[in-house]
Amino acid sequence: MKCEDGYTRGDPWVVPVRKYSFWGWLLMSSGISHPPNQVNIECDKCGFVFETISERKELLKYL
């Protein structure tokens, strides 16, 4: 699968974007590690989402 810029999942422009709750951001800004609520694997240039991860077990990999 390619985005409109022609990138695939293995390219350097395709990055994980972490989404946190309010309390998650509060903890992170205090220097405390907290897993995100959701991670989107998306193109950094055009914003095309390749995958959305929301399983707790998988989210722990993105601390």
PDB file of N, CA and C in Angstrom:
ATOM      1  N   MET A   1       0.844  -1.159   0.000  1.00  0.00           N
ATOM      2  CA  MET A   1       0.000   0.000   0.000  1.00  0.00           C
ATOM      3  C   MET A   1       0.903   1.240   0.000  1.00  0.00           C
ATOM      4  N   LYS A   2       0.563   2.238  -0.823  1.00  0.00           N
ATOM      5  CA  LYS A   2       1.333   3.470  -0.915  1.00  0.00           C
ATOM      6  C   LYS A   2       0.445   4.666  -0.607  1.00  0.00           C
ATOM      7  N   CYS A   3       1.063   5.701  -0.050  1.00  0.00           N
ATOM      8  CA  CYS A   3       0.322   6.943   0.181  1.00  0.00           C
ATOM      9  C   CYS A   3       0.358   7.775  -1.099  1.00  0.00           C
ATOM     10  N   GLU A   4      -0.258   8.937  -1.076  1.00  0.00           N
ATOM     11  CA  GLU A   4      -0.309   9.758  -2.280  1.00  0.00           C
ATOM     12  C   GLU A   4       1.059  10.336  -2.647  1.00  0.00           C
ATOM     13  N   ASP A   5       1.999  10.354  -1.712  1.00  0.00           N
ATOM     14  CA  ASP A   5       3.364  10.792  -2.004  1.00  0.00           C
ATOM     15  C   ASP A   5       4.235   9.649  -2.520  1.00  0.00           C
ATOM     16  N   GLY A   6       3.712   8.423  -2.536  1.00  0.00           N
ATOM     17  CA  GLY A   6       4.427   7.276  -3.065  1.00  0.00           C
ATOM     18  C   GLY A   6       5.250   6.511  -2.046  1.00  0.00           C
ATOM     19  N   TYR A   7       5.064   6.793  -0.772  1.00  0.00           N
ATOM     20  CA  TYR A   7       5.823   6.093   0.268  1.00  0.00           C
ATOM     21  C   TYR A   7       5.078   4.847   0.740  1.00  0.00           C
ATOM     22  N   THR A   8       5.858   3.850   1.149  1.00  0.00           N
ATOM     23  CA  THR A   8       5.292   2.631   1.722  1.00  0.00           C
ATOM     24  C   THR A   8       5.687   2.563   3.186  1.00  0.00           C
ATOM     25  N   ARG A   9       5.223   1.562   3.863  1.00  0.00           N
ATOM     26  CA  ARG A   9       5.388   1.462   5.310  1.00  0.00           C
ATOM     27  C   ARG A   9       6.847   1.428   5.762  1.00  0.00           C
ATOM     28  N   GLY A  10       7.767   0.939   4.991  1.00  0.00           N
ATOM     29  CA  GLY A  10       9.168   0.848   5.400  1.00  0.00           C
ATOM     30  C   GLY A  10       9.987   2.099   5.159  1.00  0.00           C
ATOM     31  N   ASP A  11       9.418   3.123   4.547  1.00  0.00           N
ATOM     32  CA  ASP A  11      10.156   4.346   4.234  1.00  0.00           C
ATOM     33  C   ASP A  11      10.359   5.221   5.467  1.00  0.00           C
ATOM     34  N   PRO A  12      11.415   6.047   5.461  1.00  0.00           N
ATOM     35  CA  PRO A  12      11.690   6.894   6.622  1.00  0.00           C
ATOM     36  C   PRO A  12      10.613   7.942   6.912  1.00  0.00           C
ATOM     37  N   TRP A  13       9.812   8.322   5.922  1.00  0.00           N
ATOM     38  CA  TRP A  13       8.751   9.306   6.148  1.00  0.00           C
ATOM     39  C   TRP A  13       7.538   8.705   6.834  1.00  0.00           C
ATOM     40  N   VAL A  14       7.469   7.386   6.926  1.00  0.00           N
ATOM     41  CA  VAL A  14       6.344   6.715   7.594  1.00  0.00           C
ATOM     42  C   VAL A  14       6.747   6.478   9.042  1.00  0.00           C
ATOM     43  N   VAL A  15       6.054   7.161   9.958  1.00  0.00           N
ATOM     44  CA  VAL A  15       6.456   7.188  11.366  1.00  0.00           C
ATOM     45  C   VAL A  15       5.267   6.877  12.279  1.00  0.00           C
ATOM     46  N   PRO A  16       5.546   6.407  13.511  1.00  0.00           N
ATOM     47  CA  PRO A  16       4.464   6.238  14.485  1.00  0.00           C
ATOM     48  C   PRO A  16       4.108   7.588  15.114  1.00  0.00           C
ATOM     49  N   VAL A  17       2.813   7.885  15.171  1.00  0.00           N
ATOM     50  CA  VAL A  17       2.333   9.115  15.809  1.00  0.00           C
ATOM     51  C   VAL A  17       1.502   8.686  17.007  1.00  0.00           C
ATOM     52  N   ARG A  18       1.970   9.054  18.178  1.00  0.00           N
ATOM     53  CA  ARG A  18       1.319   8.640  19.424  1.00  0.00           C
ATOM     54  C   ARG A  18       0.218   9.620  19.806  1.00  0.00           C
ATOM     55  N   LYS A  19      -0.910   9.084  20.260  1.00  0.00           N
ATOM     56  CA  LYS A  19      -2.050   9.888  20.723  1.00  0.00           C
ATOM     57  C   LYS A  19      -2.263   9.599  22.205  1.00  0.00           C
ATOM     58  N   TYR A  20      -2.236  10.652  23.033  1.00  0.00           N
ATOM     59  CA  TYR A  20      -2.378  10.509  24.481  1.00  0.00           C
ATOM     60  C   TYR A  20      -3.668  11.167  24.968  1.00  0.00           C
ATOM     61  N   SER A  21      -4.154  10.691  26.091  1.00  0.00           N
ATOM     62  CA  SER A  21      -5.274  11.350  26.763  1.00  0.00           C
ATOM     63  C   SER A  21      -4.724  12.581  27.491  1.00  0.00           C
ATOM     64  N   PHE A  22      -5.611  13.371  28.065  1.00  0.00           N
ATOM     65  CA  PHE A  22      -5.187  14.540  28.830  1.00  0.00           C
ATOM     66  C   PHE A  22      -4.262  14.120  29.963  1.00  0.00           C
ATOM     67  N   TRP A  23      -4.650  13.094  30.705  1.00  0.00           N
ATOM     68  CA  TRP A  23      -3.846  12.636  31.841  1.00  0.00           C
ATOM     69  C   TRP A  23      -2.527  12.038  31.370  1.00  0.00           C
ATOM     70  N   GLY A  24      -2.547  11.390  30.211  1.00  0.00           N
ATOM     71  CA  GLY A  24      -1.309  10.860  29.646  1.00  0.00           C
ATOM     72  C   GLY A  24      -0.331  11.977  29.317  1.00  0.00           C
ATOM     73  N   TRP A  25      -0.833  13.056  28.717  1.00  0.00           N
ATOM     74  CA  TRP A  25       0.025  14.212  28.416  1.00  0.00           C
ATOM     75  C   TRP A  25       0.538  14.848  29.701  1.00  0.00           C
ATOM     76  N   LEU A  26      -0.311  14.914  30.699  1.00  0.00           N
ATOM     77  CA  LEU A  26       0.100  15.500  31.977  1.00  0.00           C
ATOM     78  C   LEU A  26       1.243  14.696  32.595  1.00  0.00           C
ATOM     79  N   LEU A  27       1.132  13.375  32.586  1.00  0.00           N
ATOM     80  CA  LEU A  27       2.195  12.522  33.116  1.00  0.00           C
ATOM     81  C   LEU A  27       3.468  12.649  32.287  1.00  0.00           C
ATOM     82  N   MET A  28       3.319  12.638  30.961  1.00  0.00           N
ATOM     83  CA  MET A  28       4.486  12.733  30.083  1.00  0.00           C
ATOM     84  C   MET A  28       5.206  14.066  30.269  1.00  0.00           C
ATOM     85  N   SER A  29       4.454  15.139  30.440  1.00  0.00           N
ATOM     86  CA  SER A  29       5.089  16.447  30.631  1.00  0.00           C
ATOM     87  C   SER A  29       5.778  16.539  31.992  1.00  0.00           C
ATOM     88  N   SER A  30       5.393  15.663  32.917  1.00  0.00           N
ATOM     89  CA  SER A  30       6.044  15.612  34.228  1.00  0.00           C
ATOM     90  C   SER A  30       7.254  14.688  34.226  1.00  0.00           C
ATOM     91  N   GLY A  31       7.501  14.023  33.119  1.00  0.00           N
ATOM     92  CA  GLY A  31       8.650  13.133  33.009  1.00  0.00           C
ATOM     93  C   GLY A  31       8.356  11.694  33.374  1.00  0.00           C
ATOM     94  N   ILE A  32       7.087  11.343  33.482  1.00  0.00           N
ATOM     95  CA  ILE A  32       6.692   9.980  33.826  1.00  0.00           C
ATOM     96  C   ILE A  32       6.253   9.259  32.561  1.00  0.00           C
ATOM     97  N   SER A  33       6.833   8.095  32.281  1.00  0.00           N
ATOM     98  CA  SER A  33       6.461   7.326  31.092  1.00  0.00           C
ATOM     99  C   SER A  33       5.034   6.818  31.211  1.00  0.00           C
ATOM    100  N   HIS A  34       4.313   6.897  30.108  1.00  0.00           N
ATOM    101  CA  HIS A  34       2.933   6.442  30.084  1.00  0.00           C
ATOM    102  C   HIS A  34       2.636   5.963  28.664  1.00  0.00           C
ATOM    103  N   PRO A  35       2.007   4.785  28.515  1.00  0.00           N
ATOM    104  CA  PRO A  35       1.709   4.317  27.162  1.00  0.00           C
ATOM    105  C   PRO A  35       0.632   5.185  26.511  1.00  0.00           C
ATOM    106  N   PRO A  36       0.698   5.374  25.202  1.00  0.00           N
ATOM    107  CA  PRO A  36      -0.320   6.156  24.508  1.00  0.00           C
ATOM    108  C   PRO A  36      -1.647   5.406  24.445  1.00  0.00           C
ATOM    109  N   ASN A  37      -2.721   6.135  24.152  1.00  0.00           N
ATOM    110  CA  ASN A  37      -4.025   5.507  23.965  1.00  0.00           C
ATOM    111  C   ASN A  37      -4.140   4.876  22.590  1.00  0.00           C
ATOM    112  N   GLN A  38      -3.433   5.448  21.630  1.00  0.00           N
ATOM    113  CA  GLN A  38      -3.517   4.989  20.248  1.00  0.00           C
ATOM    114  C   GLN A  38      -2.240   5.397  19.536  1.00  0.00           C
ATOM    115  N   VAL A  39      -1.816   4.585  18.579  1.00  0.00           N
ATOM    116  CA  VAL A  39      -0.659   4.904  17.747  1.00  0.00           C
ATOM    117  C   VAL A  39      -1.096   4.750  16.290  1.00  0.00           C
ATOM    118  N   ASN A  40      -0.891   5.807  15.517  1.00  0.00           N
ATOM    119  CA  ASN A  40      -1.151   5.747  14.085  1.00  0.00           C
ATOM    120  C   ASN A  40       0.182   5.649  13.366  1.00  0.00           C
ATOM    121  N   ILE A  41       0.318   4.668  12.480  1.00  0.00           N
ATOM    122  CA  ILE A  41       1.488   4.578  11.621  1.00  0.00           C
ATOM    123  C   ILE A  41       1.109   5.355  10.366  1.00  0.00           C
ATOM    124  N   GLU A  42       1.726   6.534  10.180  1.00  0.00           N
ATOM    125  CA  GLU A  42       1.281   7.408   9.093  1.00  0.00           C
ATOM    126  C   GLU A  42       2.440   8.102   8.402  1.00  0.00           C
ATOM    127  N   CYS A  43       2.162   8.587   7.205  1.00  0.00           N
ATOM    128  CA  CYS A  43       3.129   9.339   6.418  1.00  0.00           C
ATOM    129  C   CYS A  43       3.277  10.718   7.048  1.00  0.00           C
ATOM    130  N   ASP A  44       4.504  11.119   7.298  1.00  0.00           N
ATOM    131  CA  ASP A  44       4.768  12.401   7.939  1.00  0.00           C
ATOM    132  C   ASP A  44       4.526  13.576   6.986  1.00  0.00           C
ATOM    133  N   LYS A  45       4.532  13.309   5.695  1.00  0.00           N
ATOM    134  CA  LYS A  45       4.326  14.384   4.716  1.00  0.00           C
ATOM    135  C   LYS A  45       2.851  14.623   4.422  1.00  0.00           C
ATOM    136  N   CYS A  46       2.114  13.564   4.078  1.00  0.00           N
ATOM    137  CA  CYS A  46       0.717  13.754   3.643  1.00  0.00           C
ATOM    138  C   CYS A  46      -0.305  13.356   4.706  1.00  0.00           C
ATOM    139  N   GLY A  47       0.114  12.609   5.743  1.00  0.00           N
ATOM    140  CA  GLY A  47      -0.798  12.235   6.815  1.00  0.00           C
ATOM    141  C   GLY A  47      -1.601  10.973   6.556  1.00  0.00           C
ATOM    142  N   PHE A  48      -1.302  10.246   5.499  1.00  0.00           N
ATOM    143  CA  PHE A  48      -2.005   8.995   5.204  1.00  0.00           C
ATOM    144  C   PHE A  48      -1.733   7.987   6.316  1.00  0.00           C
ATOM    145  N   VAL A  49      -2.780   7.396   6.869  1.00  0.00           N
ATOM    146  CA  VAL A  49      -2.649   6.440   7.974  1.00  0.00           C
ATOM    147  C   VAL A  49      -2.587   5.020   7.406  1.00  0.00           C
ATOM    148  N   PHE A  50      -1.469   4.339   7.633  1.00  0.00           N
ATOM    149  CA  PHE A  50      -1.287   2.969   7.183  1.00  0.00           C
ATOM    150  C   PHE A  50      -1.918   1.971   8.150  1.00  0.00           C
ATOM    151  N   GLU A  51      -1.825   2.271   9.450  1.00  0.00           N
ATOM    152  CA  GLU A  51      -2.344   1.353  10.473  1.00  0.00           C
ATOM    153  C   GLU A  51      -2.647   2.140  11.745  1.00  0.00           C
ATOM    154  N   THR A  52      -3.684   1.706  12.462  1.00  0.00           N
ATOM    155  CA  THR A  52      -4.017   2.268  13.768  1.00  0.00           C
ATOM    156  C   THR A  52      -3.905   1.154  14.798  1.00  0.00           C
ATOM    157  N   ILE A  53      -3.105   1.402  15.841  1.00  0.00           N
ATOM    158  CA  ILE A  53      -2.879   0.414  16.887  1.00  0.00           C
ATOM    159  C   ILE A  53      -3.556   0.904  18.155  1.00  0.00           C
ATOM    160  N   SER A  54      -4.403   0.053  18.741  1.00  0.00           N
ATOM    161  CA  SER A  54      -5.076   0.450  19.978  1.00  0.00           C
ATOM    162  C   SER A  54      -5.094  -0.664  21.024  1.00  0.00           C
ATOM    163  N   GLU A  55      -4.477  -1.799  20.733  1.00  0.00           N
ATOM    164  CA  GLU A  55      -4.402  -2.891  21.707  1.00  0.00           C
ATOM    165  C   GLU A  55      -3.361  -2.562  22.766  1.00  0.00           C
ATOM    166  N   ARG A  56      -3.721  -2.722  24.013  1.00  0.00           N
ATOM    167  CA  ARG A  56      -2.859  -2.350  25.140  1.00  0.00           C
ATOM    168  C   ARG A  56      -1.493  -3.034  25.072  1.00  0.00           C
ATOM    169  N   LYS A  57      -1.482  -4.300  24.693  1.00  0.00           N
ATOM    170  CA  LYS A  57      -0.234  -5.062  24.622  1.00  0.00           C
ATOM    171  C   LYS A  57       0.723  -4.452  23.571  1.00  0.00           C
ATOM    172  N   GLU A  58       0.193  -4.051  22.453  1.00  0.00           N
ATOM    173  CA  GLU A  58       0.993  -3.437  21.393  1.00  0.00           C
ATOM    174  C   GLU A  58       1.409  -2.023  21.750  1.00  0.00           C
ATOM    175  N   LEU A  59       0.552  -1.284  22.454  1.00  0.00           N
ATOM    176  CA  LEU A  59       0.858   0.093  22.821  1.00  0.00           C
ATOM    177  C   LEU A  59       2.045   0.198  23.766  1.00  0.00           C
ATOM    178  N   LEU A  60       2.268  -0.842  24.560  1.00  0.00           N
ATOM    179  CA  LEU A  60       3.384  -0.831  25.500  1.00  0.00           C
ATOM    180  C   LEU A  60       4.741  -0.802  24.776  1.00  0.00           C
ATOM    181  N   LYS A  61       4.762  -1.175  23.506  1.00  0.00           N
ATOM    182  CA  LYS A  61       5.990  -1.118  22.713  1.00  0.00           C
ATOM    183  C   LYS A  61       6.364   0.308  22.352  1.00  0.00           C
ATOM    184  N   TYR A  62       5.422   1.239  22.488  1.00  0.00           N
ATOM    185  CA  TYR A  62       5.640   2.628  22.076  1.00  0.00           C
ATOM    186  C   TYR A  62       5.797   3.575  23.269  1.00  0.00           C
ATOM    187  N   LEU A  63       6.363   3.091  24.358  1.00  0.00           N
ATOM    188  CA  LEU A  63       6.575   3.930  25.536  1.00  0.00           C
ATOM    189  C   LEU A  63       7.585   4.991  25.274  1.00  0.00           C
TER     190      LEU A  63
END
